[in-house]
Protein backbone atom coordinates (compact mmCIF):
# COMPACT_ATOMS: atom_id res chain seq x y z
CA UNK A 1 -15.14 14.70 8.49
CA UNK A 2 -16.36 15.56 12.01
CA UNK A 3 -13.95 16.08 14.87
CA UNK A 4 -15.70 13.69 17.26
CA UNK A 5 -13.22 11.37 18.97
CA UNK A 6 -12.33 13.83 21.72
CA UNK A 7 -16.06 13.99 22.70
CA UNK A 8 -16.57 10.22 22.73
CA UNK A 9 -15.58 9.51 26.33
CA UNK A 10 -18.24 11.98 27.54
CA UNK A 11 -21.03 10.58 25.37
CA UNK A 12 -20.22 6.87 25.52
CA UNK A 13 -22.68 6.15 28.34
CA UNK A 14 -25.53 7.83 26.48
CA UNK A 15 -24.71 5.97 23.28
CA UNK A 16 -24.60 2.61 25.04
CA UNK A 17 -27.93 3.30 26.70
CA UNK A 18 -29.41 3.99 23.29
CA UNK A 19 -27.87 0.83 21.86
CA UNK A 20 -29.31 -1.25 24.69
CA UNK A 21 -32.85 -0.22 23.72
CA UNK A 22 -32.38 -0.50 19.96
CA UNK A 23 -30.60 -3.81 19.49
CA UNK A 24 -32.62 -4.46 16.36
CA UNK A 25 -30.65 -1.75 14.57
CA UNK A 26 -27.45 -3.75 14.92
CA UNK A 27 -28.53 -7.39 15.12
CA UNK A 28 -31.53 -9.60 14.83
CA UNK A 29 -31.82 -10.14 18.59
CA UNK A 30 -31.09 -13.87 18.31
CA UNK A 31 -30.58 -16.54 15.69
CA UNK A 32 -31.19 -20.18 14.85
CA UNK A 33 -27.57 -20.92 15.69
CA UNK A 34 -24.89 -19.12 17.59
CA UNK A 35 -22.10 -16.91 16.41
CA UNK A 36 -18.70 -18.32 15.62
CA UNK A 37 -17.05 -15.57 17.66
CA UNK A 38 -18.09 -12.89 20.11
CA UNK A 39 -15.81 -10.02 21.06
CA UNK A 40 -17.19 -8.58 24.30
CA UNK A 41 -16.29 -6.11 27.02
CA UNK A 42 -14.53 -3.93 24.46
CA UNK A 43 -14.51 -0.33 23.29
CA UNK A 44 -15.92 -0.83 19.79
CA UNK A 45 -15.48 2.22 17.57
CA UNK A 46 -17.46 1.27 14.50
CA UNK A 47 -16.42 4.06 12.11
CA UNK A 48 -19.99 4.03 10.77
CA UNK A 49 -21.59 7.30 9.66
CA UNK A 50 -22.58 8.16 13.23
CA UNK A 51 -19.25 7.03 14.71
CA UNK A 52 -21.24 4.73 16.99
CA UNK A 53 -19.53 3.07 19.94
CA UNK A 54 -20.51 -0.28 21.34
CA UNK A 55 -19.30 -3.02 23.69
CA UNK A 56 -19.53 -6.19 21.65
CA UNK A 57 -19.38 -7.64 18.15
CA UNK A 58 -20.66 -11.07 17.06
CA UNK A 59 -19.35 -12.81 13.94
CA UNK A 60 -20.78 -15.70 11.96
CA UNK A 61 -19.57 -17.11 8.63
CA UNK A 62 -17.09 -14.26 8.29
CA UNK A 63 -19.75 -11.55 8.60
CA UNK A 64 -20.76 -9.21 11.40
CA UNK A 65 -24.17 -10.28 12.74
CA UNK A 66 -24.36 -8.08 15.81
CA UNK A 67 -22.92 -4.83 17.14
CA UNK A 68 -24.21 -3.61 20.46
CA UNK A 69 -23.90 -4.05 24.21
CA UNK A 70 -22.61 -7.06 26.11
CA UNK A 71 -26.06 -8.17 27.17
CA UNK A 72 -27.39 -8.23 23.62
CA UNK A 73 -24.42 -10.29 22.46
CA UNK A 74 -25.45 -13.12 24.77
CA UNK A 75 -28.27 -14.01 22.37
CA UNK A 76 -25.55 -15.12 19.93
CA UNK A 77 -23.71 -17.38 22.36
CA UNK A 78 -23.99 -21.12 21.72
CA UNK A 79 -22.02 -24.19 22.73
CA UNK A 80 -19.53 -23.76 19.90
CA UNK A 81 -19.13 -19.98 20.15
CA UNK A 82 -15.64 -18.65 20.89
CA UNK A 83 -15.85 -15.70 23.28
CA UNK A 84 -13.05 -13.17 23.66
CA UNK A 85 -13.25 -10.88 26.70
CA UNK A 86 -11.16 -7.90 25.62
CA UNK A 87 -11.04 -6.09 28.93
CA UNK A 88 -11.90 -2.72 27.43
CA UNK A 89 -9.42 -2.87 24.53
CA UNK A 90 -10.17 -0.77 21.44
CA UNK A 91 -11.81 -2.54 18.50
CA UNK A 92 -11.63 -0.88 15.06
CA UNK A 93 -12.30 -1.92 11.47
CA UNK A 94 -9.25 -3.52 9.88
CA UNK A 95 -6.91 -0.87 8.52
CA UNK A 96 -6.75 -0.08 4.80
CA UNK A 97 -3.46 0.95 3.17
CA UNK A 98 -4.26 2.86 -0.01
CA UNK A 99 -0.78 2.67 -1.58
CA UNK A 100 1.20 -0.46 -0.76
CA UNK A 101 3.66 -2.27 -3.04
CA UNK A 102 2.90 -5.63 -1.48
CA UNK A 103 4.45 -7.49 -4.42
CA UNK A 104 7.86 -6.09 -3.49
CA UNK A 105 7.98 -8.34 -0.43
CA UNK A 106 9.61 -10.75 -2.89
CA UNK A 107 12.68 -8.49 -3.09
CA UNK A 108 13.49 -8.96 0.57
CA UNK A 109 13.14 -12.71 0.21
CA UNK A 110 15.02 -13.39 -3.03
CA UNK A 111 17.43 -10.49 -3.64
CA UNK A 112 20.55 -9.12 -2.04
CA UNK A 113 19.38 -6.75 0.69
CA UNK A 114 21.82 -3.85 1.02
CA UNK A 115 21.91 -2.04 4.34
CA UNK A 116 24.91 -0.02 5.50
CA UNK A 117 26.16 2.40 2.85
CA UNK A 118 29.58 0.85 2.37
CA UNK A 119 31.23 -0.73 -0.66
CA UNK A 120 32.63 -3.43 1.63
CA UNK A 121 29.18 -4.13 3.05
CA UNK A 122 27.67 -4.25 -0.43
CA UNK A 123 30.44 -6.66 -1.50
CA UNK A 124 29.96 -8.91 1.56
CA UNK A 125 26.19 -9.12 1.04
CA UNK A 126 26.61 -9.83 -2.67
CA UNK A 127 29.24 -12.50 -2.19
CA UNK A 128 27.17 -14.19 0.53
CA UNK A 129 24.27 -14.31 -1.92
CA UNK A 130 26.45 -15.80 -4.67
CA UNK A 131 27.91 -18.35 -2.26
CA UNK A 132 24.40 -19.59 -1.56
CA UNK A 133 23.61 -19.66 -5.27
CA UNK A 134 26.84 -20.51 -7.13
CA UNK A 135 24.92 -21.24 -10.34
CA UNK A 136 23.14 -17.87 -10.35
CA UNK A 137 22.84 -16.30 -13.78
CA UNK A 138 22.17 -12.81 -12.41
CA UNK A 139 22.18 -10.78 -9.21
CA UNK A 140 19.38 -8.48 -8.13
CA UNK A 141 19.66 -6.23 -5.09
CA UNK A 142 17.70 -3.57 -3.24
CA UNK A 143 18.56 -0.77 -0.82
CA UNK A 144 21.74 0.89 -2.11
CA UNK A 145 22.38 4.55 -1.37
CA UNK A 146 22.51 6.70 -4.50
CA UNK A 147 24.40 9.65 -3.01
CA UNK A 148 26.96 7.36 -1.41
CA UNK A 149 27.69 5.49 -4.64
CA UNK A 150 28.00 8.74 -6.60
CA UNK A 151 30.43 10.07 -3.99
CA UNK A 152 32.49 6.88 -4.12
CA UNK A 153 32.64 7.07 -7.91
CA UNK A 154 33.97 10.62 -7.69
CA UNK A 155 36.49 9.71 -4.99
CA UNK A 156 37.86 6.67 -6.83
CA UNK A 157 37.71 8.00 -10.37
CA UNK A 158 35.68 4.95 -11.36
CA UNK A 159 32.21 4.84 -12.80
CA UNK A 160 29.38 3.34 -10.67
CA UNK A 161 29.28 0.55 -13.27
CA UNK A 162 32.92 -0.32 -12.57
CA UNK A 163 32.36 -0.22 -8.81
CA UNK A 164 29.55 -2.75 -9.15
CA UNK A 165 31.74 -4.93 -11.37
CA UNK A 166 34.22 -5.15 -8.51
CA UNK A 167 31.49 -5.91 -5.98
CA UNK A 168 30.03 -8.75 -8.02
CA UNK A 169 33.37 -10.12 -9.15
CA UNK A 170 31.82 -12.33 -11.81
CA UNK A 171 30.78 -11.81 -15.39
CA UNK A 172 27.06 -12.00 -14.76
CA UNK A 173 24.51 -9.19 -14.99
CA UNK A 174 23.87 -7.32 -11.74
CA UNK A 175 21.03 -4.84 -11.27
CA UNK A 176 20.47 -3.11 -7.92
CA UNK A 177 17.58 -0.75 -7.13
CA UNK A 178 17.23 1.94 -4.47
CA UNK A 179 14.64 1.68 -1.71
CA UNK A 180 12.64 4.35 -3.50
CA UNK A 181 12.72 2.22 -6.68
CA UNK A 182 13.36 5.16 -9.00
CA UNK A 183 17.08 4.52 -9.60
CA UNK A 184 18.89 1.41 -10.80
CA UNK A 185 22.62 0.64 -10.53
CA UNK A 186 23.79 -1.81 -13.20
CA UNK A 187 27.13 -3.42 -13.90
CA UNK A 188 28.92 -3.62 -17.25
CA UNK A 189 27.41 -6.98 -18.22
CA UNK A 190 23.85 -5.82 -17.54
CA UNK A 191 24.32 -2.62 -19.51
CA UNK A 192 25.93 -4.50 -22.39
CA UNK A 193 23.12 -7.08 -22.47
CA UNK A 194 20.63 -4.22 -22.67
CA UNK A 195 22.52 -2.66 -25.58
CA UNK A 196 22.78 0.71 -23.82
CA UNK A 197 25.54 2.88 -25.28
CA UNK A 198 26.40 6.57 -25.47
CA UNK A 199 24.05 6.78 -28.46
CA UNK A 200 21.02 5.31 -26.67
CA UNK A 201 18.44 8.08 -26.26
CA UNK A 202 16.74 8.71 -22.95
CA UNK A 203 13.28 7.10 -22.92
CA UNK A 204 10.40 9.56 -22.35
CA UNK A 205 10.48 10.82 -18.79
CA UNK A 206 13.52 8.69 -17.90
CA UNK A 207 17.28 9.22 -17.79
CA UNK A 208 20.50 7.33 -18.47
CA UNK A 209 23.33 8.91 -16.47
CA UNK A 210 26.36 9.66 -18.63
CA UNK A 211 29.95 10.69 -18.06
CA UNK A 212 30.10 14.47 -18.57
CA UNK A 213 33.32 14.17 -20.63
CA UNK A 214 32.95 11.01 -22.68
CA UNK A 215 29.15 10.73 -22.78
CA UNK A 216 29.43 7.04 -21.90
CA UNK A 217 26.71 5.53 -19.63
CA UNK A 218 27.82 5.37 -15.99
CA UNK A 219 25.66 2.40 -14.97
CA UNK A 220 22.95 4.43 -13.22
CA UNK A 221 19.56 4.77 -14.88
CA UNK A 222 16.60 6.67 -13.49
CA UNK A 223 12.85 6.10 -13.75
CA UNK A 224 11.07 3.09 -15.08
CA UNK A 225 11.34 3.74 -18.79
CA UNK A 226 15.13 3.49 -18.52
CA UNK A 227 15.13 0.81 -15.84
CA UNK A 228 13.06 -1.49 -17.99
CA UNK A 229 15.67 -1.36 -20.75
CA UNK A 230 18.08 -3.02 -18.33
CA UNK A 231 15.66 -5.27 -16.48
CA UNK A 232 13.97 -6.67 -19.59
CA UNK A 233 17.39 -7.93 -20.82
CA UNK A 234 18.03 -10.00 -17.66
CA UNK A 235 17.85 -13.80 -17.79
CA UNK A 236 14.95 -13.58 -15.28
CA UNK A 237 13.30 -10.14 -15.46
CA UNK A 238 10.53 -10.96 -12.96
CA UNK A 239 9.93 -13.28 -10.01
CA UNK A 240 8.41 -16.67 -10.72
CA UNK A 241 4.84 -17.56 -9.80
CA UNK A 242 6.13 -19.75 -6.97
CA UNK A 243 8.30 -16.94 -5.63
CA UNK A 244 5.37 -14.55 -5.72
CA UNK A 245 3.16 -17.11 -3.97
CA UNK A 246 5.65 -17.38 -1.11
CA UNK A 247 6.05 -13.61 -0.91
CA UNK A 248 2.28 -13.03 -0.79
CA UNK A 249 1.89 -15.48 2.10
CA UNK A 250 4.84 -13.84 3.87
CA UNK A 251 3.44 -10.35 3.30
CA UNK A 252 0.11 -11.38 4.76
CA UNK A 253 1.32 -13.19 7.87
CA UNK A 254 4.54 -11.36 8.72
CA UNK A 255 3.51 -7.83 7.82
CA UNK A 256 -0.14 -7.00 7.14
CA UNK A 257 -1.81 -9.08 9.85
CA UNK A 258 0.60 -7.92 12.54
CA UNK A 259 -0.25 -4.30 11.79
CA UNK A 260 -4.00 -4.83 11.66
CA UNK A 261 -4.05 -4.24 7.89
CA UNK A 262 -6.78 -6.16 6.07
CA UNK A 263 -6.99 -4.36 2.70
CA UNK A 264 -4.45 -2.76 0.37
CA UNK A 265 -4.33 -0.94 -2.95
CA UNK A 266 -1.32 -2.31 -4.81
CA UNK A 267 0.11 -0.12 -7.61
CA UNK A 268 2.58 -2.14 -9.66
CA UNK A 269 5.39 -0.40 -11.51
CA UNK A 270 6.21 -2.96 -14.17
CA UNK A 271 4.29 -5.57 -16.18
CA UNK A 272 4.05 -8.65 -13.95
CA UNK A 273 1.60 -11.33 -14.99
CA UNK A 274 3.27 -13.92 -12.68
CA UNK A 275 2.11 -11.86 -9.69
CA UNK A 276 -1.45 -11.88 -11.02
CA UNK A 277 -1.22 -15.63 -11.56
CA UNK A 278 0.00 -16.15 -7.99
CA UNK A 279 -2.83 -14.07 -6.55
CA UNK A 280 -5.38 -15.94 -8.61
CA UNK A 281 -4.06 -19.31 -7.48
CA UNK A 282 -4.03 -18.35 -3.80
CA UNK A 283 -7.49 -16.82 -4.08
CA UNK A 284 -8.88 -20.07 -5.51
CA UNK A 285 -7.15 -21.94 -2.68
CA UNK A 286 -8.77 -19.60 -0.12
CA UNK A 287 -5.36 -18.46 1.12
CA UNK A 288 -5.69 -14.70 0.69
CA UNK A 289 -6.10 -12.95 4.03
CA UNK A 290 -5.93 -9.40 2.69
CA UNK A 291 -8.26 -7.70 0.20
CA UNK A 292 -6.17 -6.62 -2.80
CA UNK A 293 -7.06 -3.91 -5.30
CA UNK A 294 -4.44 -4.25 -8.05
CA UNK A 295 -3.45 -1.21 -10.09
CA UNK A 296 -1.82 -2.21 -13.37
CA UNK A 297 1.03 -0.07 -14.72
CA UNK A 298 0.50 2.06 -17.81
CA UNK A 299 3.69 2.29 -19.85
CA UNK A 300 4.32 5.94 -20.70
CA UNK A 301 6.11 4.90 -23.89
CA UNK A 302 3.09 3.09 -25.35
CA UNK A 303 0.14 5.39 -24.80
CA UNK A 304 -3.18 4.28 -26.31
CA UNK A 305 -1.81 1.09 -27.85
CA UNK A 306 -1.70 -0.73 -24.50
CA UNK A 307 -5.34 -0.14 -23.49
CA UNK A 308 -6.71 -3.36 -25.10
CA UNK A 309 -4.05 -5.39 -23.27
CA UNK A 310 -5.01 -3.83 -19.94
CA UNK A 311 -8.66 -4.62 -20.60
CA UNK A 312 -7.73 -8.23 -21.39
CA UNK A 313 -5.76 -8.57 -18.14
CA UNK A 314 -8.72 -7.21 -16.17
CA UNK A 315 -11.01 -9.76 -17.76
CA UNK A 316 -8.57 -12.62 -17.16
CA UNK A 317 -7.65 -11.92 -13.54
CA UNK A 318 -10.43 -11.30 -11.04
CA UNK A 319 -11.09 -13.09 -7.76
CA UNK A 320 -13.03 -13.02 -4.53
CA UNK A 321 -10.31 -11.28 -2.54
CA UNK A 322 -8.51 -9.45 -5.32
CA UNK A 323 -9.63 -7.35 -8.24
CA UNK A 324 -8.26 -5.25 -11.06
CA UNK A 325 -10.14 -2.09 -11.93
CA UNK A 326 -7.44 0.56 -11.77
CA UNK A 327 -4.42 1.75 -13.72
CA UNK A 328 -1.36 3.40 -12.20
CA UNK A 329 0.20 6.26 -14.13
CA UNK A 330 3.51 7.88 -13.24
CA UNK A 331 3.06 11.61 -13.49
CA UNK A 332 6.44 12.85 -12.30
CA UNK A 333 9.85 11.39 -11.51
CA UNK A 334 11.51 10.93 -8.14
CA UNK A 335 13.26 13.56 -6.04
CA UNK A 336 16.47 13.15 -8.03
CA UNK A 337 14.60 14.36 -11.09
CA UNK A 338 12.05 16.47 -9.21
CA UNK A 339 9.40 17.90 -11.46
CA UNK A 340 10.32 15.87 -14.53
CA UNK A 341 7.17 14.87 -16.38
CA UNK A 342 7.12 11.22 -17.33
CA UNK A 343 4.36 11.45 -19.96
CA UNK A 344 3.90 13.69 -22.93
CA UNK A 345 0.87 15.69 -21.80
CA UNK A 346 -1.28 15.18 -24.90
CA UNK A 347 -0.54 11.46 -24.87
CA UNK A 348 -1.46 11.36 -21.19
CA UNK A 349 -4.77 13.12 -21.77
CA UNK A 350 -5.79 10.83 -24.62
CA UNK A 351 -4.69 7.71 -22.73
CA UNK A 352 -6.52 8.81 -19.57
CA UNK A 353 -9.68 9.36 -21.59
CA UNK A 354 -9.38 5.92 -23.22
CA UNK A 355 -8.86 4.24 -19.84
CA UNK A 356 -11.75 6.13 -18.29
CA UNK A 357 -13.98 5.12 -21.19
CA UNK A 358 -13.15 1.49 -20.37
CA UNK A 359 -14.29 2.20 -16.78
CA UNK A 360 -10.80 2.02 -15.29
CA UNK A 361 -10.03 4.17 -12.29
CA UNK A 362 -6.94 6.33 -12.95
CA UNK A 363 -4.43 6.39 -10.09
CA UNK A 364 -1.61 8.89 -10.61
CA UNK A 365 1.78 9.03 -8.90
CA UNK A 366 2.85 12.67 -8.49
CA UNK A 367 5.38 14.10 -6.05
CA UNK A 368 5.17 17.68 -7.29
CA UNK A 369 5.83 20.49 -7.98
CA UNK A 370 2.47 22.29 -7.92
CA UNK A 371 2.40 22.69 -11.68
CA UNK A 372 2.64 18.93 -12.22
CA UNK A 373 -0.42 18.31 -10.03
CA UNK A 374 -2.23 20.80 -12.23
CA UNK A 375 -1.28 18.84 -15.35
CA UNK A 376 -2.48 15.57 -13.81
CA UNK A 377 -5.80 17.18 -12.90
CA UNK A 378 -5.99 18.49 -16.46
CA UNK A 379 -5.76 14.91 -17.74
CA UNK A 380 -8.51 13.71 -15.39
CA UNK A 381 -10.68 16.68 -16.32
CA UNK A 382 -10.16 15.94 -20.02
CA UNK A 383 -11.22 12.32 -19.48
CA UNK A 384 -14.36 13.49 -17.68
CA UNK A 385 -15.19 15.94 -20.43
CA UNK A 386 -14.82 13.24 -23.07
CA UNK A 387 -16.78 10.51 -21.29
CA UNK A 388 -19.04 12.25 -18.81
CA UNK A 389 -18.89 12.21 -15.03
CA UNK A 390 -19.24 8.87 -13.23
CA UNK A 391 -18.29 7.32 -9.91
CA UNK A 392 -14.72 6.85 -11.12
CA UNK A 393 -12.82 7.54 -7.88
CA UNK A 394 -9.79 8.78 -9.77
CA UNK A 395 -6.90 9.31 -7.35
CA UNK A 396 -3.63 11.19 -7.08
CA UNK A 397 -1.15 9.68 -4.63
CA UNK A 398 1.90 11.14 -2.86
CA UNK A 399 -0.16 14.31 -2.40
CA UNK A 400 1.95 16.84 -0.48
CA UNK A 401 1.76 20.50 0.45
CA UNK A 402 2.86 21.28 -3.12
CA UNK A 403 -0.66 20.32 -4.18
CA UNK A 404 -2.45 22.43 -1.54
CA UNK A 405 -3.03 25.43 -3.85
CA UNK A 406 -5.18 23.09 -5.99
CA UNK A 407 -7.53 21.77 -3.31
CA UNK A 408 -10.52 23.38 -5.01
CA UNK A 409 -9.80 21.53 -8.27
CA UNK A 410 -9.42 18.22 -6.41
CA UNK A 411 -12.84 18.77 -4.86
CA UNK A 412 -14.54 19.99 -8.03
CA UNK A 413 -13.31 16.96 -9.96
CA UNK A 414 -14.00 14.62 -6.99
CA UNK A 415 -10.40 13.34 -7.12
CA UNK A 416 -9.23 11.41 -4.07
CA UNK A 417 -6.08 12.80 -2.43
CA UNK A 418 -3.88 10.04 -1.03
CA UNK A 419 -0.89 10.94 1.12
CA UNK A 420 1.48 9.82 3.86
CA UNK A 421 -0.52 11.58 5.36
CA UNK A 422 -2.39 14.04 3.14
CA UNK A 423 -2.07 17.72 4.21
CA UNK A 424 -4.69 19.28 6.46
CA UNK A 425 -5.82 21.71 3.73
CA UNK A 426 -7.43 18.84 1.84
CA UNK A 427 -9.36 17.63 4.87
CA UNK A 428 -10.51 21.17 5.68
CA UNK A 429 -11.72 21.66 2.10
CA UNK A 430 -13.80 18.48 2.15
CA UNK A 431 -11.70 16.61 -0.42
CA UNK A 432 -11.89 12.82 -0.15
CA UNK A 433 -8.71 11.86 1.68
CA UNK A 434 -6.95 8.55 2.30
CA UNK A 435 -3.68 7.59 3.98
CA UNK A 436 -1.05 5.15 2.83
CA UNK A 437 2.50 3.98 3.36
CA UNK A 438 4.09 3.41 -0.05
CA UNK A 439 5.59 0.24 1.50
CA UNK A 440 8.43 -0.75 1.29
CA UNK A 441 9.61 2.84 0.88
CA UNK A 442 7.99 3.42 4.28
CA UNK A 443 6.81 0.86 6.79
CA UNK A 444 3.06 0.56 6.73
CA UNK A 445 2.13 0.59 10.41
CA UNK A 446 -0.98 2.80 10.04
CA UNK A 447 -0.82 4.39 13.50
CA UNK A 448 2.44 6.10 12.49
CA UNK A 449 0.59 8.07 9.82
CA UNK A 450 -2.44 8.62 12.03
CA UNK A 451 -0.17 10.15 14.68
CA UNK A 452 1.58 12.29 12.06
CA UNK A 453 -1.72 13.58 10.70
CA UNK A 454 -3.02 14.49 14.14
CA UNK A 455 0.29 16.22 14.92
CA UNK A 456 -0.23 18.30 11.76
CA UNK A 457 -3.65 19.46 12.94
CA UNK A 458 -5.93 16.91 11.28
CA UNK A 459 -8.62 15.52 13.58
CA UNK A 460 -8.18 12.01 14.93
CA UNK A 461 -11.54 11.10 13.43
CA UNK A 462 -10.42 12.14 9.95
CA UNK A 463 -7.15 10.24 10.28
CA UNK A 464 -8.87 7.06 11.48
CA UNK A 465 -11.34 7.37 8.60
CA UNK A 466 -8.49 7.80 6.11
CA UNK A 467 -7.18 4.36 7.08
CA UNK A 468 -10.59 2.65 7.40
CA UNK A 469 -13.87 3.68 5.75
CA UNK A 470 -12.31 6.24 3.38
CA UNK A 471 -9.69 3.69 2.34
CA UNK A 472 -12.43 1.13 1.74
CA UNK A 473 -14.20 3.69 -0.45
CA UNK A 474 -11.02 4.16 -2.50
CA UNK A 475 -10.99 0.38 -3.02
CA UNK A 476 -14.66 0.36 -4.09
CA UNK A 477 -15.20 -1.82 -1.02
CA UNK A 478 -17.10 0.42 1.38
CA UNK A 479 -20.09 -1.94 1.31
CA UNK A 480 -17.85 -4.87 2.31
CA UNK A 481 -15.39 -3.46 4.82
CA UNK A 482 -14.06 -0.26 6.40
CA UNK A 483 -16.60 -0.05 9.24
CA UNK A 484 -18.10 -2.45 11.77
CA UNK A 485 -21.70 -2.75 10.67
CA UNK A 486 -24.29 -5.48 10.29
CA UNK A 487 -23.64 -7.63 7.22
CA UNK A 488 -20.13 -6.36 6.53
CA UNK A 489 -17.07 -8.57 6.54
CA UNK A 490 -15.55 -9.13 9.97
CA UNK A 491 -12.28 -7.37 9.13
CA UNK A 492 -11.29 -6.25 12.61
CA UNK A 493 -8.24 -5.05 14.51
CA UNK A 494 -7.93 -4.94 18.31
CA UNK A 495 -5.43 -2.46 19.75
CA UNK A 496 -3.83 -2.82 23.15
CA UNK A 497 -4.45 0.85 23.95
CA UNK A 498 -7.35 3.20 23.27
CA UNK A 499 -6.03 5.78 20.81
CA UNK A 500 -9.26 7.76 21.24
CA UNK A 501 -8.07 8.74 24.72
CA UNK A 502 -4.29 8.84 24.26
CA UNK A 503 -2.12 11.94 23.90
CA UNK A 504 -1.61 12.61 20.19
CA UNK A 505 2.15 12.13 20.44
CA UNK A 506 1.67 8.60 21.82
CA UNK A 507 -0.83 7.24 19.31
CA UNK A 508 1.74 5.12 17.48
CA UNK A 509 2.76 3.45 20.74
CA UNK A 510 -0.42 1.39 20.54
CA UNK A 511 -0.10 -1.94 18.74
CA UNK A 512 -2.32 -4.53 17.14
CA UNK A 513 -2.85 -7.54 19.39
CA UNK A 514 -5.60 -9.31 17.43
CA UNK A 515 -6.47 -9.14 13.74
CA UNK A 516 -9.42 -10.82 12.05
CA UNK A 517 -9.91 -11.15 8.32
CA UNK A 518 -13.39 -12.22 7.24
CA UNK A 519 -13.89 -13.55 10.76
CA UNK A 520 -10.69 -15.61 10.80
CA UNK A 521 -7.96 -14.83 13.33
CA UNK A 522 -4.86 -14.07 11.26
CA UNK A 523 -2.78 -12.52 14.05
CA UNK A 524 -2.88 -13.05 17.79
CA UNK A 525 -0.25 -11.42 19.97
CA UNK A 526 1.32 -13.36 22.82
CA UNK A 527 -0.20 -10.86 25.27
CA UNK A 528 -3.66 -12.14 24.36
CA UNK A 529 -2.96 -15.63 25.69
CA UNK A 530 -4.01 -18.83 23.98
CA UNK A 531 -2.41 -19.95 20.74
CA UNK A 532 -0.35 -17.23 19.09
CA UNK A 533 -0.55 -16.55 15.38
CA UNK A 534 2.38 -14.77 13.68
CA UNK A 535 3.79 -13.18 16.82
CA UNK A 536 6.52 -10.55 16.54
CA UNK A 537 9.21 -10.00 19.13
CA UNK A 538 9.16 -6.73 21.04
CA UNK A 539 12.23 -5.54 19.09
CA UNK A 540 10.55 -6.34 15.76
CA UNK A 541 7.45 -4.41 16.80
CA UNK A 542 9.65 -1.41 17.60
CA UNK A 543 11.54 -1.75 14.32
CA UNK A 544 8.32 -1.89 12.33
CA UNK A 545 6.88 1.10 14.11
CA UNK A 546 9.95 3.32 13.61
């Protein structure tokens, strides 16, 4: 990646002069009918290979038909053309979030949301939920604090399971998950329904917390192999199709569009066909306003046996604005079990090879230590040796400084490094790099990560690319989106400030004021005038940014 943004203000005039004499490069110089929309008088940073800047973009039928100067855009103006004078505002390709659990928006809509770490607060939130749903057969919650609950259990002499019994106050199963989604807190009824006793073995790579004296389960289980024992025994283990439909529409309008995000990679962490059904329905109804690349979960307890099922799901669920061509694999556990390997290594290697043979991209969750990244790379290398090299775009996500000693292996194997942001060593070594949020663990306002990357010494150009054209490449969508070029989808974000000229520490103070998806306005801030679409309050903007 070239460090160009800091030179752009000095070369903009020369670039625009060149554009003015070579309009044919960017548009056809006119058309039989006008554009649907012209964005003019802007600072257009295209993120194309030459990092071209322009003044105007014209859109027709959801595609970009012109990029150039203001004068050239006039050839696309007709009686029905909407013209937006942006007053010099920065125009970028719509942002791409390469690791976003968009499906978990449903948790905030349909579960108990736990905020303040307090047993009283947890009880109040739970009882308010039950008062609204007196016939509820279960309670699900999100956001409890693991360390706080463990401390309260020690202080009271009660198990976490007993504490949750008191909070719920009814004989129904209750299962609460942490924000990080690696630990579950279950009450007595939920544990009993799951048949978990002192004799239940830990699933591979997962853990059932036990009393150190009696060996009895405490009600806390860690990692998805153990969580699924509890969740699968619930009356309703997953959200319904209708609930997912509502959550997808909410995610799009209330979150993605207001951050300028137009494409996401969505790694799921449990089997969820209702979510796929909801996406397919909304896609057929032309209601998807984000491009979704779904990454199905590979169950570490099933190895090779699940591959035919994953192939069948890929064949069954494909759409215009969503696709399934990737599999998520958990390599290591969360920080509470740092370094614990989830898969048996030989099983992982054989399963990775089988998935690669079926032309799936392998997308691995790994938070370290360094040795675990090496084992994940071993599995990808084994798959390549068995099947031959192809444009697989295998990826490791949550890449941190623990992986930096292995940058040469990432590059040699052409493995994409996705991080929040990815360390500078990977950019310097020429590894393919993307940036992501891991929403809802982190908020996914992309400029937060762009600022963090620049603060860590990564060029602004590389950070912008990691959330635009490089992200589109990860999604196998670089020919559709990720840069503002002739024939590509008009996935566009307008920022109220020019981050190319801002101090690095202030980059995340800019905000999206206009977002287009395939040429359609999906967010319009009140500051832009006209009819607002999905406007946030100032406080909400601040909350989302920090």
